[in-house]
Amino acid sequence: NLQKIYKTYCGGSTSTPTASRKGSFSMFKKKPSSSSISKAPAIEVSQYQINFGLQEGTKCPLQEKMTGEITVSVKAGKGKYSWWLPKPDPAYTISVDPASGSFKKKGEQKFTVTVFFNSSLLLEELISLEVPGAGRFFFYIHLESERSVFGEDIRQYYNKGNVEIPPALVCMRDYLKEVDGFKEKNIFVKEGDEGEILAIRDKINREIFYDCRDVYALAKTLIAWFAEQPVLLMQSVSENLLLSAGGQQEYMSVLDMMRDPQQTLVIWALEVLVDVQLEQEHNGVDMDELSKLFGAALYRPQSADPTKNEKLPVSVAKMIKTLVNYRIKIR
């Protein structure tokens, strides 16, 4: 429990941290040699929970940088320092600037801590400043992001081999079926009313979506759920595999190689496109255009080779179209 660790070693409240220590966390220190003791800097830190300028109970916005400051007082000596940060996570990023360096003189050294939320979550993390000869100093981050299903962490829907389709996706597809939205002319291709898109997003985030005034806005909102994933669902597929695959069997093999929950959600998206194609006589939607739209929401070219970046969207769209046609046959 991070709060317990924080309280135990910092001796203060997590909500109003006022504890101060000089070289504490002795159990985590590397034993210095006698020669290094005299050279090691004497460090003093007065606050161990990082303040990001938020009032108590305020949630952090998504897709915006939150910055806090740590001030370390160097009382004597010189020495190097480096920061230990959690492993990279698609749901959020934490960075410290400067990440490493040297204490060269007495005075204050300021560090800027930046947190960026890609997904909705409650974040509890420890980061540490390591100073050889002086010890390791821990700092506690406790933040909660705003709730949004757009860009949410899909790992929450995967448990012991089972994948739950996110409720936001289910309610949008169900409503389109209920009002014959898949029969509407150029559904998913035609732009929706921007104000209605915002209203739909707000209702879905507050779990009170029951209807809407514009099915085109709803269709665009459904695509946005995929496009706003921190890591797009097909991003893990190798570039060379996408470029070299061709034909139904090879595309099915590529899909089989994907891991859950990504694989199940891509298949679900393909089924939505099947819904559209089965009503093609009414909606007149061109499958090539629709495949490009969904392809851009499922995969983003990131190759160092500009030629590959031009070819990859075409390959992804071709794969989607082929798999949709296959799924039409088996439905």
Protein backbone atom coordinates (compact mmCIF):
# COMPACT_ATOMS: atom_id res chain seq x y z
CA ASN A 1 0.00 0.00 0.00
CA LEU A 2 1.70 3.17 -1.21
CA GLN A 3 -0.04 5.43 1.30
CA LYS A 4 1.12 3.18 4.14
CA ILE A 5 4.68 3.29 2.84
CA TYR A 6 4.45 7.05 2.54
CA LYS A 7 3.09 7.51 6.06
CA THR A 8 5.55 5.06 7.59
CA TYR A 9 8.69 6.60 6.19
CA CYS A 10 7.68 10.22 5.84
CA GLY A 11 5.70 10.40 9.07
CA GLY A 12 3.13 12.81 7.69
CA SER A 13 -0.35 12.88 6.26
CA THR A 14 -0.72 12.17 2.58
CA SER A 15 -3.22 14.97 2.23
CA THR A 16 -1.12 17.65 3.93
CA PRO A 17 2.47 16.46 3.80
CA THR A 18 4.67 18.42 6.19
CA ALA A 19 7.22 15.79 7.17
CA SER A 20 10.88 16.48 6.70
CA ARG A 21 13.89 14.26 6.88
CA LYS A 22 17.59 14.33 6.22
CA GLY A 23 18.87 11.24 4.47
CA SER A 24 16.14 8.92 5.73
CA PHE A 25 15.07 5.61 4.16
CA SER A 26 18.28 4.20 5.53
CA MET A 27 17.24 0.64 4.71
CA PHE A 28 17.35 1.53 1.03
CA LYS A 29 20.76 3.17 1.12
CA LYS A 30 23.83 1.64 -0.42
CA LYS A 31 26.53 1.35 2.18
CA PRO A 32 29.06 4.04 1.33
CA SER A 33 32.78 3.65 1.74
CA SER A 34 34.54 5.80 4.32
CA SER A 35 36.03 7.94 1.58
CA SER A 36 32.67 8.56 -0.08
CA ILE A 37 30.99 9.66 3.18
CA SER A 38 32.99 12.84 3.36
CA LYS A 39 32.36 13.64 -0.31
CA ALA A 40 28.66 12.74 -0.48
CA PRO A 41 26.25 15.67 -0.51
CA ALA A 42 24.12 16.39 2.53
CA ILE A 43 20.56 16.50 1.25
CA GLU A 44 17.45 17.90 2.88
CA VAL A 45 13.93 17.47 1.56
CA SER A 46 10.87 18.92 3.26
CA GLN A 47 7.94 17.50 1.28
CA TYR A 48 7.42 14.00 -0.03
CA GLN A 49 4.01 14.15 -1.66
CA ILE A 50 4.13 16.12 -4.90
CA ASN A 51 1.73 19.03 -5.18
CA PHE A 52 0.37 19.50 -8.69
CA GLY A 53 -1.54 22.64 -7.80
CA LEU A 54 -4.89 20.90 -7.47
CA GLN A 55 -7.35 21.51 -4.70
CA GLU A 56 -8.40 18.49 -2.69
CA GLY A 57 -10.93 16.39 -4.60
CA THR A 58 -10.11 17.98 -7.96
CA LYS A 59 -9.52 15.52 -10.78
CA CYS A 60 -6.83 15.85 -13.41
CA PRO A 61 -7.80 16.53 -17.00
CA LEU A 62 -7.03 13.94 -19.65
CA GLN A 63 -4.53 14.66 -22.42
CA GLU A 64 -3.05 17.63 -20.54
CA LYS A 65 0.30 17.93 -18.82
CA MET A 66 0.16 18.28 -15.03
CA THR A 67 3.35 19.65 -13.50
CA GLY A 68 4.61 19.73 -9.93
CA GLU A 69 7.85 20.83 -8.36
CA ILE A 70 10.27 19.15 -5.99
CA THR A 71 12.88 21.26 -4.22
CA VAL A 72 16.00 19.61 -2.81
CA SER A 73 18.26 21.59 -0.52
CA VAL A 74 21.96 20.78 -0.79
CA LYS A 75 23.61 21.65 2.53
CA ALA A 76 27.11 20.48 1.76
CA GLY A 77 29.18 18.34 -0.60
CA LYS A 78 28.89 17.41 -4.23
CA GLY A 79 27.68 14.32 -6.05
CA LYS A 80 25.65 12.79 -8.84
CA TYR A 81 21.93 12.04 -8.77
CA SER A 82 19.42 10.13 -10.88
CA TRP A 83 15.68 9.51 -10.78
CA TRP A 84 13.95 6.13 -10.69
CA LEU A 85 10.56 6.14 -12.40
CA PRO A 86 7.90 3.45 -12.93
CA LYS A 87 8.01 1.34 -16.09
CA PRO A 88 6.29 2.92 -19.12
CA ASP A 89 2.53 2.43 -19.16
CA PRO A 90 0.11 3.20 -22.01
CA ALA A 91 -2.38 4.73 -19.57
CA TYR A 92 -0.07 7.50 -18.27
CA THR A 93 3.46 8.89 -18.35
CA ILE A 94 5.62 10.32 -15.58
CA SER A 95 8.78 12.29 -16.26
CA VAL A 96 11.22 14.34 -14.19
CA ASP A 97 13.41 17.16 -15.46
CA PRO A 98 16.35 17.07 -15.04
CA ALA A 99 16.34 13.26 -14.94
CA SER A 100 19.99 13.02 -13.88
CA GLY A 101 22.93 15.25 -13.19
CA SER A 102 25.19 16.46 -10.40
CA PHE A 103 24.85 18.55 -7.27
CA LYS A 104 27.79 20.96 -7.67
CA LYS A 105 27.23 23.55 -4.95
CA LYS A 106 25.19 24.44 -1.91
CA GLY A 107 21.68 25.74 -2.45
CA GLU A 108 18.40 24.58 -3.89
CA GLN A 109 17.95 22.21 -6.82
CA LYS A 110 14.50 22.23 -8.37
CA PHE A 111 12.99 19.30 -10.27
CA THR A 112 9.86 19.45 -12.43
CA VAL A 113 7.63 16.37 -12.32
CA THR A 114 5.19 15.96 -15.22
CA VAL A 115 2.24 13.56 -15.31
CA PHE A 116 0.20 13.01 -18.45
CA PHE A 117 -2.98 10.91 -18.41
CA ASN A 118 -3.92 9.04 -21.57
CA SER A 119 -6.68 7.08 -19.84
CA SER A 120 -9.00 7.45 -16.88
CA LEU A 121 -7.52 6.00 -13.73
CA LEU A 122 -6.56 6.50 -10.09
CA LEU A 123 -2.78 6.82 -10.01
CA GLU A 124 -0.69 5.92 -6.97
CA GLU A 125 3.03 5.74 -7.61
CA LEU A 126 6.36 6.21 -5.88
CA ILE A 127 9.30 7.80 -7.65
CA SER A 128 12.73 8.08 -6.09
CA LEU A 129 15.76 10.31 -6.22
CA GLU A 130 18.95 8.29 -5.87
CA VAL A 131 22.07 10.03 -4.58
CA PRO A 132 25.10 7.70 -4.17
CA GLY A 133 26.45 7.99 -0.66
CA ALA A 134 23.45 9.95 0.61
CA GLY A 135 20.59 7.53 0.00
CA ARG A 136 17.37 7.14 -1.89
CA PHE A 137 14.55 9.66 -1.39
CA PHE A 138 10.98 8.59 -2.17
CA PHE A 139 8.15 10.84 -3.39
CA TYR A 140 4.48 9.91 -3.52
CA ILE A 141 2.15 10.72 -6.43
CA HIS A 142 -1.57 10.37 -5.78
CA LEU A 143 -3.83 11.68 -8.56
CA GLU A 144 -7.18 10.79 -10.05
CA SER A 145 -8.03 11.66 -13.63
CA GLU A 146 -11.32 12.82 -15.01
CA ARG A 147 -13.57 10.01 -16.13
CA SER A 148 -13.75 9.46 -19.86
CA VAL A 149 -14.36 6.29 -21.81
CA PHE A 150 -12.59 7.87 -24.78
CA GLY A 151 -9.02 6.74 -24.35
CA GLU A 152 -9.92 4.44 -21.44
CA ASP A 153 -7.56 1.64 -20.47
CA ILE A 154 -8.91 -1.44 -22.25
CA ARG A 155 -6.96 -3.81 -19.98
CA GLN A 156 -9.78 -3.42 -17.45
CA TYR A 157 -12.02 -5.41 -19.82
CA TYR A 158 -9.70 -8.41 -19.96
CA ASN A 159 -9.80 -10.97 -17.16
CA LYS A 160 -8.51 -14.53 -17.19
CA GLY A 161 -8.86 -14.98 -20.92
CA ASN A 162 -12.27 -13.34 -21.15
CA VAL A 163 -12.92 -10.01 -22.86
CA GLU A 164 -15.89 -7.80 -22.06
CA ILE A 165 -16.89 -5.38 -24.80
CA PRO A 166 -16.78 -1.87 -23.29
CA PRO A 167 -20.29 -0.70 -22.37
CA ALA A 168 -19.80 2.55 -24.32
CA LEU A 169 -19.34 0.61 -27.55
CA VAL A 170 -22.27 -1.68 -26.84
CA CYS A 171 -24.71 1.16 -26.15
CA MET A 172 -23.70 3.05 -29.31
CA ARG A 173 -24.08 0.03 -31.59
CA ASP A 174 -27.35 -1.04 -29.95
CA TYR A 175 -28.85 2.41 -30.49
CA LEU A 176 -27.82 2.48 -34.14
CA LYS A 177 -29.54 -0.87 -34.61
CA GLU A 178 -32.63 0.26 -32.70
CA VAL A 179 -33.23 3.32 -34.90
CA ASP A 180 -32.10 1.70 -38.17
CA GLY A 181 -29.04 3.92 -38.16
CA PHE A 182 -27.10 1.48 -40.32
CA LYS A 183 -29.58 2.17 -43.14
CA GLU A 184 -28.94 5.92 -43.13
CA LYS A 185 -27.31 7.31 -46.26
CA ASN A 186 -23.49 7.42 -45.94
CA ILE A 187 -23.56 6.40 -42.26
CA PHE A 188 -20.07 6.67 -40.66
CA VAL A 189 -18.86 8.60 -43.73
CA LYS A 190 -21.01 11.71 -43.42
CA GLU A 191 -19.98 14.20 -40.76
CA GLY A 192 -22.20 14.65 -37.71
CA ASP A 193 -23.20 17.82 -35.88
CA GLU A 194 -20.29 18.90 -33.67
CA GLY A 195 -22.51 20.11 -30.86
CA GLU A 196 -24.37 16.79 -30.84
CA ILE A 197 -21.07 14.88 -30.81
CA LEU A 198 -20.06 16.75 -27.64
CA ALA A 199 -23.48 16.09 -26.09
CA ILE A 200 -23.24 12.36 -26.90
CA ARG A 201 -19.73 12.11 -25.46
CA ASP A 202 -20.88 13.80 -22.27
CA LYS A 203 -23.85 11.43 -21.89
CA ILE A 204 -21.69 8.37 -22.50
CA ASN A 205 -19.07 9.52 -20.01
CA ARG A 206 -21.78 10.04 -17.40
CA GLU A 207 -23.38 6.69 -18.32
CA ILE A 208 -26.71 8.29 -19.14
CA PHE A 209 -26.80 7.81 -22.92
CA TYR A 210 -30.23 6.68 -24.08
CA ASP A 211 -30.79 8.51 -27.36
CA CYS A 212 -29.49 11.24 -29.63
CA ARG A 213 -30.74 13.68 -32.28
CA ASP A 214 -28.14 12.83 -34.93
CA VAL A 215 -27.10 9.26 -35.81
CA TYR A 216 -24.24 10.61 -37.91
CA ALA A 217 -22.82 12.25 -34.80
CA LEU A 218 -23.18 8.96 -32.95
CA ALA A 219 -21.41 7.05 -35.72
CA LYS A 220 -18.49 9.49 -35.63
CA THR A 221 -18.39 9.16 -31.84
CA LEU A 222 -18.10 5.39 -32.17
CA ILE A 223 -15.11 5.78 -34.49
CA ALA A 224 -13.60 8.28 -32.05
CA TRP A 225 -13.61 5.65 -29.29
CA PHE A 226 -11.13 3.61 -31.33
CA ALA A 227 -9.15 6.58 -32.66
CA GLU A 228 -8.54 7.99 -29.16
CA GLN A 229 -7.02 4.85 -27.69
CA PRO A 230 -3.57 5.64 -26.23
CA VAL A 231 -2.21 2.79 -28.33
CA LEU A 232 -4.34 1.99 -31.37
CA LEU A 233 -5.67 -1.56 -31.40
CA MET A 234 -3.65 -2.79 -34.38
CA GLN A 235 -0.49 -0.86 -33.50
CA SER A 236 1.27 -3.99 -32.23
CA VAL A 237 1.13 -5.66 -35.66
CA SER A 238 4.49 -5.47 -37.41
CA GLU A 239 4.80 -3.13 -40.37
CA ASN A 240 6.40 -5.78 -42.57
CA LEU A 241 3.64 -8.25 -41.77
CA LEU A 242 0.95 -5.75 -42.76
CA LEU A 243 2.76 -4.88 -45.98
CA SER A 244 3.49 -8.47 -47.00
CA ALA A 245 0.15 -10.09 -46.09
CA GLY A 246 -2.38 -10.59 -48.87
CA GLY A 247 -5.50 -12.67 -49.22
CA GLN A 248 -8.09 -13.86 -46.74
CA GLN A 249 -6.04 -16.61 -45.09
CA GLU A 250 -3.01 -14.41 -44.46
CA TYR A 251 -5.12 -11.59 -43.07
CA MET A 252 -6.88 -14.05 -40.78
CA SER A 253 -3.47 -15.26 -39.59
CA VAL A 254 -2.44 -11.67 -38.81
CA LEU A 255 -5.63 -11.23 -36.78
CA ASP A 256 -5.02 -14.54 -34.97
CA MET A 257 -1.56 -13.33 -33.94
CA MET A 258 -2.99 -10.33 -32.11
CA ARG A 259 -3.41 -10.54 -28.34
CA ASP A 260 -6.54 -9.89 -26.36
CA PRO A 261 -8.25 -7.61 -25.57
CA GLN A 262 -7.09 -5.94 -28.81
CA GLN A 263 -7.99 -8.93 -30.99
CA THR A 264 -11.56 -9.23 -29.68
CA LEU A 265 -12.17 -5.49 -30.02
CA VAL A 266 -10.89 -5.45 -33.61
CA ILE A 267 -13.24 -8.34 -34.43
CA TRP A 268 -16.08 -6.37 -32.80
CA ALA A 269 -15.23 -3.37 -35.00
CA LEU A 270 -15.28 -5.62 -38.07
CA GLU A 271 -18.78 -6.75 -37.08
CA VAL A 272 -19.92 -3.11 -37.01
CA LEU A 273 -18.67 -2.76 -40.57
CA VAL A 274 -20.59 -5.92 -41.45
CA ASP A 275 -23.70 -4.22 -40.05
CA VAL A 276 -23.07 -1.33 -42.45
CA GLN A 277 -22.38 -3.51 -45.46
CA LEU A 278 -25.50 -5.62 -44.98
CA GLU A 279 -27.53 -2.41 -45.39
CA GLN A 280 -25.44 -1.15 -48.32
CA GLU A 281 -28.48 -1.14 -50.57
CA HIS A 282 -29.97 1.57 -48.29
CA ASN A 283 -26.92 3.48 -47.05
CA GLY A 284 -24.85 3.42 -50.25
CA VAL A 285 -21.64 3.36 -48.23
CA ASP A 286 -18.52 2.58 -50.26
CA MET A 287 -16.61 -0.19 -48.49
CA ASP A 288 -13.23 1.13 -49.62
CA GLU A 289 -13.91 4.49 -48.03
CA LEU A 290 -15.28 2.93 -44.85
CA SER A 291 -12.24 0.64 -44.54
CA LYS A 292 -9.93 3.64 -44.78
CA LEU A 293 -11.89 5.47 -42.06
CA PHE A 294 -11.75 2.57 -39.62
CA GLY A 295 -8.19 1.72 -40.64
CA ALA A 296 -7.05 5.18 -39.52
CA ALA A 297 -8.78 4.59 -36.17
CA LEU A 298 -7.12 1.19 -35.67
CA TYR A 299 -3.59 1.77 -36.92
CA ARG A 300 -1.26 4.78 -37.19
CA PRO A 301 1.84 4.47 -39.42
CA GLN A 302 4.99 5.27 -37.45
CA SER A 303 7.73 4.00 -39.70
CA ALA A 304 11.03 5.80 -40.16
CA ASP A 305 10.60 5.04 -43.86
CA PRO A 306 8.26 7.58 -45.54
CA THR A 307 7.47 5.08 -48.31
CA LYS A 308 6.17 2.57 -45.77
CA ASN A 309 4.05 5.27 -44.13
CA GLU A 310 2.33 5.83 -47.48
CA LYS A 311 1.72 2.15 -48.10
CA LEU A 312 0.64 1.05 -44.61
CA PRO A 313 -2.82 2.74 -44.53
CA VAL A 314 -3.61 1.09 -47.88
CA SER A 315 -2.55 -2.31 -46.53
CA VAL A 316 -4.60 -1.90 -43.34
CA ALA A 317 -7.70 -0.82 -45.30
CA LYS A 318 -7.30 -3.80 -47.63
CA MET A 319 -7.04 -6.15 -44.65
CA ILE A 320 -10.17 -4.69 -43.07
CA LYS A 321 -12.18 -4.93 -46.28
CA THR A 322 -11.12 -8.54 -46.86
CA LEU A 323 -11.99 -9.59 -43.30
CA VAL A 324 -15.35 -7.81 -43.43
CA ASN A 325 -16.26 -9.65 -46.63
CA TYR A 326 -15.26 -12.92 -44.96
CA ARG A 327 -17.37 -12.19 -41.90
CA ILE A 328 -20.36 -11.34 -44.09
CA LYS A 329 -20.17 -14.86 -45.53
CA ILE A 330 -20.08 -16.54 -42.11
CA ARG A 331 -22.68 -14.41 -40.35
